[in-house]
Amino acid sequence: MSVDIMVPLGVPAPVVSDWRSAAQIIDHTLLKPEATREEILALCAEAVTFGFHSVMVNPAYVTLATSQLHGKAIKVGTVVGFPLGANLTVTKLAEAEAALHNEATELDMVINIGALKSRDRVLVRSEIHSVAELAHGANALLKVILENALLSEEEKILGCALALDAGADFVKTSTGFAASGATAADVALMRGVVGHAIGVKAAGGIRTAADLMSMVEAGANRIGASASVSIVRELGAPAQPE
């Protein structure tokens, strides 16, 4: 099945017609706290083998990942304020600055969930704006994680609107550490709010090719997954692509 979403203007439309095109929109992810150095090395090798868009690792492993992927087309991403989002803004900025110094080019920051639920629009927007400015100054992207499992529909809409207004490059569904992850309904809602101005990343519980395709059909143009290799193999990738 081929999916071609009409997304004019700023956000490129993902065209997923085979395993290679699917791989190009996947952030190959390993964020479990017990991840070892050997597992990160394997993650990077898999990203090169299958052509994933990026690897997404915890901050302590950014330097290792960038050393392994130097000169490759694969991006290195990391998380900020992860997984709770309840850090002080100054802490998130320091974490983002360190990651950028270590050559991460994509930051996935957890929104201040409690502030959002308290309707503290000023705090939520200013925090996103501050981290976005820092990221953009280093030619990096900022994705804002809403953690939709903890939000009402109204809060999801508000979070997306604030992220868009504050200069984020993506809104993202989930950390993968909450009770539930991405849903096609949430992706469609988020795309409806941000329109074609910024990206939508679906993450959390995406384990099969059918899961990936449903998220793309709903409007996602980036996928976060730890089951990336099995997904692309399900779509026809050989064990060792040429």
Protein backbone atom coordinates (compact mmCIF):
# COMPACT_ATOMS: atom_id res chain seq x y z
CA MET A 1 0.00 0.00 0.00
CA SER A 2 1.32 3.44 -0.93
CA VAL A 3 0.42 6.52 1.07
CA ASP A 4 0.84 10.00 -0.37
CA ILE A 5 -0.49 12.81 1.84
CA MET A 6 -1.14 16.18 0.26
CA VAL A 7 0.86 18.57 2.46
CA PRO A 8 1.62 21.82 0.58
CA LEU A 9 3.97 24.55 1.79
CA GLY A 10 6.34 23.96 4.71
CA VAL A 11 6.05 20.27 5.55
CA PRO A 12 7.08 17.70 2.92
CA ALA A 13 4.50 15.02 2.28
CA PRO A 14 5.68 11.54 3.24
CA VAL A 15 5.35 9.07 0.40
CA VAL A 16 5.57 5.58 1.84
CA SER A 17 5.61 3.06 -0.98
CA ASP A 18 8.26 0.56 0.11
CA TRP A 19 10.59 -0.26 3.00
CA ARG A 20 13.20 2.31 1.99
CA SER A 21 10.74 5.21 1.96
CA ALA A 22 9.37 4.04 5.30
CA ALA A 23 12.87 3.93 6.77
CA GLN A 24 13.49 7.53 5.72
CA ILE A 25 10.79 8.85 8.08
CA ILE A 26 11.73 6.71 11.10
CA ASP A 27 13.64 7.92 14.13
CA HIS A 28 15.28 4.65 15.23
CA THR A 29 14.88 4.88 18.99
CA LEU A 30 16.51 3.45 22.10
CA LEU A 31 15.61 5.40 25.24
CA LYS A 32 15.30 2.73 27.89
CA PRO A 33 17.36 3.63 30.96
CA GLU A 34 19.24 0.32 30.97
CA ALA A 35 20.51 0.72 27.38
CA THR A 36 24.16 -0.29 27.12
CA ARG A 37 26.99 1.08 25.02
CA GLU A 38 26.88 -2.06 22.88
CA GLU A 39 23.17 -1.58 22.23
CA ILE A 40 23.73 2.02 21.13
CA LEU A 41 26.47 0.86 18.76
CA ALA A 42 24.07 -1.71 17.32
CA LEU A 43 21.36 0.96 16.98
CA CYS A 44 23.72 3.16 14.96
CA ALA A 45 24.81 0.26 12.76
CA GLU A 46 21.17 -0.63 12.05
CA ALA A 47 20.41 2.99 11.15
CA VAL A 48 23.19 2.96 8.57
CA THR A 49 22.22 -0.46 7.22
CA PHE A 50 18.55 0.38 6.70
CA GLY A 51 18.75 4.12 6.08
CA PHE A 52 16.67 5.38 8.99
CA HIS A 53 16.25 9.14 9.28
CA SER A 54 17.94 9.31 12.67
CA VAL A 55 18.87 7.57 15.86
CA MET A 56 17.19 8.85 19.00
CA VAL A 57 19.23 8.23 22.15
CA ASN A 58 19.43 9.48 25.71
CA PRO A 59 21.70 12.51 26.31
CA ALA A 60 24.51 10.44 27.83
CA TYR A 61 24.93 8.60 24.51
CA VAL A 62 24.86 11.54 22.08
CA THR A 63 28.64 11.74 21.81
CA LEU A 64 28.91 8.01 21.17
CA ALA A 65 26.21 8.15 18.49
CA THR A 66 27.71 11.17 16.74
CA SER A 67 31.12 9.52 16.71
CA GLN A 68 29.64 6.44 15.06
CA LEU A 69 27.61 8.36 12.50
CA HIS A 70 30.15 11.04 11.57
CA GLY A 71 30.08 11.53 7.80
CA LYS A 72 26.85 9.55 7.45
CA ALA A 73 23.46 10.87 6.37
CA ILE A 74 21.86 9.66 9.61
CA LYS A 75 20.88 12.38 12.11
CA VAL A 76 21.45 12.10 15.86
CA GLY A 77 18.57 13.12 18.08
CA THR A 78 18.13 13.19 21.82
CA VAL A 79 15.54 14.01 24.46
CA VAL A 80 15.16 16.99 26.77
CA GLY A 81 13.19 17.04 30.02
CA PHE A 82 12.51 13.36 29.49
CA PRO A 83 10.25 11.61 30.32
CA LEU A 84 8.21 13.77 32.74
CA GLY A 85 8.65 17.30 31.40
CA ALA A 86 8.53 18.72 34.93
CA ASN A 87 12.04 20.20 34.95
CA LEU A 88 12.73 23.90 35.36
CA THR A 89 13.12 25.71 32.05
CA VAL A 90 16.72 26.56 32.92
CA THR A 91 17.39 22.83 33.33
CA LYS A 92 15.89 22.03 29.94
CA LEU A 93 17.94 24.80 28.35
CA ALA A 94 21.15 23.48 29.91
CA GLU A 95 20.32 19.97 28.74
CA ALA A 96 19.55 21.19 25.23
CA GLU A 97 22.73 23.26 25.10
CA ALA A 98 24.86 20.28 26.13
CA ALA A 99 23.19 18.06 23.51
CA LEU A 100 23.76 20.63 20.79
CA HIS A 101 27.37 21.04 21.86
CA ASN A 102 27.73 17.27 21.46
CA GLU A 103 26.37 17.64 17.89
CA ALA A 104 22.81 16.43 18.28
CA THR A 105 20.73 17.93 15.49
CA GLU A 106 17.22 17.03 16.69
CA LEU A 107 15.80 17.64 20.17
CA ASP A 108 12.60 16.01 21.43
CA MET A 109 11.49 18.00 24.48
CA VAL A 110 8.69 16.99 26.83
CA ILE A 111 6.30 19.87 27.39
CA ASN A 112 5.64 21.06 30.95
CA ILE A 113 2.55 18.88 31.24
CA GLY A 114 1.42 20.22 34.60
CA ALA A 115 1.68 23.81 33.38
CA LEU A 116 -0.34 22.96 30.30
CA LYS A 117 -3.06 21.32 32.37
CA SER A 118 -3.03 24.39 34.64
CA ARG A 119 -3.61 26.55 31.54
CA ASP A 120 -0.37 28.43 32.16
CA ARG A 121 -0.02 29.44 28.53
CA VAL A 122 2.76 31.93 29.22
CA LEU A 123 5.07 29.39 30.88
CA VAL A 124 4.42 26.68 28.30
CA ARG A 125 4.91 28.98 25.33
CA SER A 126 7.97 30.75 26.71
CA GLU A 127 9.70 27.47 27.52
CA ILE A 128 9.11 26.08 24.04
CA HIS A 129 10.20 29.36 22.46
CA SER A 130 13.43 29.47 24.49
CA VAL A 131 14.44 25.92 23.57
CA ALA A 132 13.40 26.43 19.94
CA GLU A 133 15.59 29.53 19.65
CA LEU A 134 18.54 27.64 21.11
CA ALA A 135 18.01 24.71 18.75
CA HIS A 136 17.57 26.89 15.68
CA GLY A 137 20.72 28.83 16.53
CA ALA A 138 22.58 25.54 16.17
CA ASN A 139 20.69 24.52 12.97
CA ALA A 140 18.82 21.85 14.90
CA LEU A 141 15.14 20.93 15.06
CA LEU A 142 12.84 21.00 18.09
CA LYS A 143 10.04 18.48 18.50
CA VAL A 144 7.62 19.12 21.37
CA ILE A 145 6.26 16.02 23.11
CA LEU A 146 2.75 16.55 24.44
CA GLU A 147 2.24 13.14 26.15
CA ASN A 148 -1.32 12.86 24.85
CA ALA A 149 -2.24 9.98 27.18
CA LEU A 150 -2.31 12.51 30.03
CA LEU A 151 -4.27 15.22 28.22
CA SER A 152 -7.86 16.00 27.37
CA GLU A 153 -8.75 16.83 23.78
CA GLU A 154 -8.87 20.52 24.67
CA GLU A 155 -5.40 20.29 26.23
CA LYS A 156 -4.00 18.52 23.17
CA ILE A 157 -5.32 21.31 20.95
CA LEU A 158 -3.91 23.99 23.25
CA GLY A 159 -0.52 22.25 23.43
CA CYS A 160 -0.28 22.05 19.65
CA ALA A 161 -1.33 25.68 19.23
CA LEU A 162 1.25 26.88 21.75
CA ALA A 163 4.02 24.79 20.18
CA LEU A 164 3.18 26.15 16.74
CA ASP A 165 3.10 29.74 17.99
CA ALA A 166 6.37 29.30 19.92
CA GLY A 167 8.36 28.17 16.90
CA ALA A 168 8.60 24.39 17.34
CA ASP A 169 9.37 22.32 14.25
CA PHE A 170 7.23 19.32 15.23
CA VAL A 171 4.59 18.30 17.71
CA LYS A 172 4.93 14.74 18.96
CA THR A 173 2.35 12.42 20.47
CA SER A 174 4.13 10.61 23.27
CA THR A 175 7.28 9.67 25.14
CA GLY A 176 6.52 5.96 24.99
CA PHE A 177 6.75 5.87 28.79
CA ALA A 178 3.11 6.70 29.62
CA ALA A 179 0.19 4.27 29.84
CA SER A 180 -0.45 4.54 26.11
CA GLY A 181 1.29 5.91 23.05
CA ALA A 182 0.37 7.21 19.63
CA THR A 183 -3.08 6.86 18.14
CA ALA A 184 -4.20 7.71 14.62
CA ALA A 185 -6.98 9.87 16.08
CA ASP A 186 -4.48 11.98 18.01
CA VAL A 187 -2.24 12.35 14.97
CA ALA A 188 -5.18 13.55 12.91
CA LEU A 189 -6.17 16.00 15.65
CA MET A 190 -2.63 17.38 15.87
CA ARG A 191 -2.33 17.73 12.10
CA GLY A 192 -5.64 19.54 12.09
CA VAL A 193 -4.33 22.09 14.60
CA VAL A 194 -0.88 22.75 13.11
CA GLY A 195 -2.00 22.47 9.50
CA HIS A 196 0.90 22.31 7.07
CA ALA A 197 3.18 24.66 8.99
CA ILE A 198 5.13 22.12 11.06
CA GLY A 199 5.61 18.38 11.37
CA VAL A 200 3.75 15.77 13.38
CA LYS A 201 5.69 12.90 14.92
CA ALA A 202 3.92 9.75 16.07
CA ALA A 203 5.73 7.70 18.71
CA GLY A 204 4.90 5.14 21.35
CA GLY A 205 3.62 1.66 20.60
CA ILE A 206 4.35 1.68 16.85
CA ARG A 207 5.52 -1.89 16.31
CA THR A 208 4.23 -3.03 12.90
CA ALA A 209 4.08 -1.83 9.33
CA ALA A 210 0.32 -1.46 9.72
CA ASP A 211 0.88 0.80 12.73
CA LEU A 212 3.27 2.97 10.74
CA MET A 213 0.96 3.22 7.75
CA SER A 214 -2.02 4.18 9.91
CA MET A 215 -0.04 7.02 11.46
CA VAL A 216 1.11 8.28 8.06
CA GLU A 217 -2.45 8.10 6.74
CA ALA A 218 -3.56 10.20 9.73
CA GLY A 219 -1.01 12.90 8.99
CA ALA A 220 2.31 11.96 10.62
CA ASN A 221 5.44 12.78 8.67
CA ARG A 222 7.86 11.33 11.21
CA ILE A 223 7.68 8.07 13.18
CA GLY A 224 9.52 7.21 16.37
CA ALA A 225 9.98 3.48 16.90
CA SER A 226 12.22 0.97 18.60
CA ALA A 227 10.82 -1.83 16.41
CA SER A 228 12.13 -0.09 13.30
CA VAL A 229 14.06 -3.05 11.90
CA SER A 230 11.13 -5.45 12.16
CA ILE A 231 8.85 -2.83 10.59
CA VAL A 232 11.01 -2.36 7.51
CA ARG A 233 11.59 -6.11 7.22
CA GLU A 234 7.84 -6.57 7.25
CA LEU A 235 7.77 -4.17 4.31
CA GLY A 236 10.33 -6.22 2.42
CA ALA A 237 13.76 -5.14 3.61
CA PRO A 238 16.39 -7.90 3.33
CA ALA A 239 18.53 -8.86 6.30
CA GLN A 240 21.50 -6.97 4.80
CA PRO A 241 20.38 -4.39 2.23
CA GLU A 242 22.83 -3.46 -0.51
